[in-house]
Amino acid sequence: MNGNPVRWFEIYVQDMARARAFYEAVLGVQLSRLEGPDMEMWSFPEQMEQYGATGALVKMPGFPSGGNSVLVYFASEDCAVEAARVAAAGGSLQKEKFSIGQYGFIALATDSEGNMFGLHSMQ
């Protein structure tokens, strides 16, 4: 395998307006509408020339949110900043910012749709 192992992620949701508002509020970004057959998709910002992967919120019949076993970590300057926005945006903080040694810091949260996700920073 050449390059980054993760190319794309999808977070399945039940209420797209609520989920979109949650991630835009917590991460301070604007999501963009993607066209897809029989599904509604809103993409996180992407910069193809930079390191990392992007993805989208997806609402598709037969694919419920929550209960998944994959964790997506969003990058930040200081993950405590985004973690502090989670509750006000309709989610819940599962674990406040904590050290993972030489690899920086993480916080764990649950979004408005019941999906757990992580926040990562080096400070």
Protein backbone atom coordinates (compact mmCIF):
# COMPACT_ATOMS: atom_id res chain seq x y z
CA MET A 1 0.00 0.00 0.00
CA ASN A 2 1.36 3.41 -0.96
CA GLY A 3 0.27 6.62 0.71
CA ASN A 4 -2.14 7.18 3.56
CA PRO A 5 -4.22 4.15 4.57
CA VAL A 6 -7.37 6.19 5.16
CA ARG A 7 -8.79 8.01 2.13
CA TRP A 8 -12.36 8.79 3.20
CA PHE A 9 -14.74 8.40 6.11
CA GLU A 10 -18.51 8.52 6.46
CA ILE A 11 -20.53 9.25 9.58
CA TYR A 12 -24.07 7.94 9.28
CA VAL A 13 -26.84 10.12 10.72
CA GLN A 14 -30.61 10.08 11.24
CA ASP A 15 -31.27 13.83 11.32
CA MET A 16 -29.00 15.55 8.80
CA ALA A 17 -29.85 19.13 9.78
CA ARG A 18 -29.13 18.39 13.44
CA ALA A 19 -25.89 16.48 12.70
CA ARG A 20 -24.66 19.11 10.26
CA ALA A 21 -25.31 21.89 12.78
CA PHE A 22 -23.49 19.86 15.45
CA TYR A 23 -20.27 19.35 13.46
CA GLU A 24 -20.25 22.87 12.05
CA ALA A 25 -20.62 24.29 15.57
CA VAL A 26 -18.06 22.02 17.26
CA LEU A 27 -15.39 22.10 14.54
CA GLY A 28 -16.03 25.66 13.33
CA VAL A 29 -16.32 24.59 9.66
CA GLN A 30 -18.90 24.72 6.85
CA LEU A 31 -19.92 21.43 5.27
CA SER A 32 -20.63 21.21 1.52
CA ARG A 33 -23.46 19.30 -0.16
CA LEU A 34 -22.41 16.26 -2.23
CA GLU A 35 -24.65 14.60 -4.78
CA GLY A 36 -25.23 10.90 -4.28
CA PRO A 37 -27.87 8.39 -5.42
CA ASP A 38 -30.53 7.66 -2.79
CA MET A 39 -28.60 9.42 -0.03
CA GLU A 40 -27.93 12.84 1.39
CA MET A 41 -24.27 13.71 1.92
CA TRP A 42 -22.49 16.75 3.37
CA SER A 43 -18.70 16.83 3.07
CA PHE A 44 -16.18 18.16 5.54
CA PRO A 45 -13.72 20.68 4.05
CA GLU A 46 -10.87 19.11 2.13
CA GLN A 47 -7.45 20.20 0.97
CA MET A 48 -6.25 17.53 -1.42
CA GLU A 49 -2.63 18.73 -1.35
CA GLN A 50 -2.35 18.31 2.43
CA TYR A 51 -1.88 15.27 4.65
CA GLY A 52 -4.96 13.51 6.01
CA ALA A 53 -8.37 12.32 4.91
CA THR A 54 -11.74 13.95 4.57
CA GLY A 55 -15.23 12.52 4.70
CA ALA A 56 -18.92 13.25 4.92
CA LEU A 57 -22.09 12.98 6.95
CA VAL A 58 -24.41 10.49 5.24
CA LYS A 59 -28.15 9.86 5.58
CA MET A 60 -29.19 6.71 3.73
CA PRO A 61 -32.18 4.42 4.22
CA GLY A 62 -31.25 1.18 5.98
CA PHE A 63 -28.03 2.54 7.53
CA PRO A 64 -28.69 3.81 11.06
CA SER A 65 -26.35 5.98 13.11
CA GLY A 66 -24.68 5.06 16.41
CA GLY A 67 -23.41 1.73 17.66
CA ASN A 68 -20.46 1.70 15.29
CA SER A 69 -17.01 0.48 16.28
CA VAL A 70 -14.90 2.84 14.18
CA LEU A 71 -13.62 6.08 15.71
CA VAL A 72 -12.81 9.12 13.57
CA TYR A 73 -10.40 11.65 15.09
CA PHE A 74 -10.63 15.28 13.97
CA ALA A 75 -7.44 17.36 14.09
CA SER A 76 -7.27 20.61 16.03
CA GLU A 77 -4.79 23.06 17.52
CA ASP A 78 -6.03 22.35 21.07
CA CYS A 79 -8.68 19.66 21.37
CA ALA A 80 -10.00 21.20 24.61
CA VAL A 81 -11.42 24.08 22.53
CA GLU A 82 -13.63 21.85 20.37
CA ALA A 83 -14.44 19.58 23.33
CA ALA A 84 -15.85 22.61 25.16
CA ARG A 85 -18.32 23.16 22.28
CA VAL A 86 -19.76 19.63 22.24
CA ALA A 87 -22.55 19.91 24.85
CA ALA A 88 -23.84 23.26 23.57
CA ALA A 89 -24.03 21.79 20.06
CA GLY A 90 -26.22 18.86 21.20
CA GLY A 91 -23.65 16.14 21.92
CA SER A 92 -21.99 14.85 25.06
CA LEU A 93 -18.38 14.76 26.16
CA GLN A 94 -17.30 11.22 27.04
CA LYS A 95 -13.74 11.99 28.17
CA GLU A 96 -12.16 15.42 28.53
CA LYS A 97 -8.80 16.21 26.98
CA PHE A 98 -6.06 13.87 28.21
CA SER A 99 -2.47 13.09 27.28
CA ILE A 100 -1.49 10.19 25.06
CA GLY A 101 2.20 10.83 25.74
CA GLN A 102 4.46 11.77 22.85
CA TYR A 103 1.48 11.55 20.47
CA GLY A 104 -0.29 14.56 21.95
CA PHE A 105 -3.75 14.80 23.45
CA ILE A 106 -7.25 13.51 22.70
CA ALA A 107 -10.81 14.05 23.88
CA LEU A 108 -13.73 11.70 23.19
CA ALA A 109 -17.29 12.82 22.50
CA THR A 110 -20.63 11.58 21.20
CA ASP A 111 -22.35 13.59 18.47
CA SER A 112 -26.02 14.52 18.15
CA GLU A 113 -26.71 11.20 16.37
CA GLY A 114 -25.12 8.84 18.92
CA ASN A 115 -21.78 8.39 17.08
CA MET A 116 -18.61 8.56 19.16
CA PHE A 117 -15.71 10.54 17.68
CA GLY A 118 -12.34 11.82 18.83
CA LEU A 119 -10.51 15.14 18.80
CA HIS A 120 -6.70 15.18 18.56
CA SER A 121 -4.08 17.88 19.09
CA MET A 122 -0.39 18.06 19.84
CA GLN A 123 -0.88 20.67 22.58
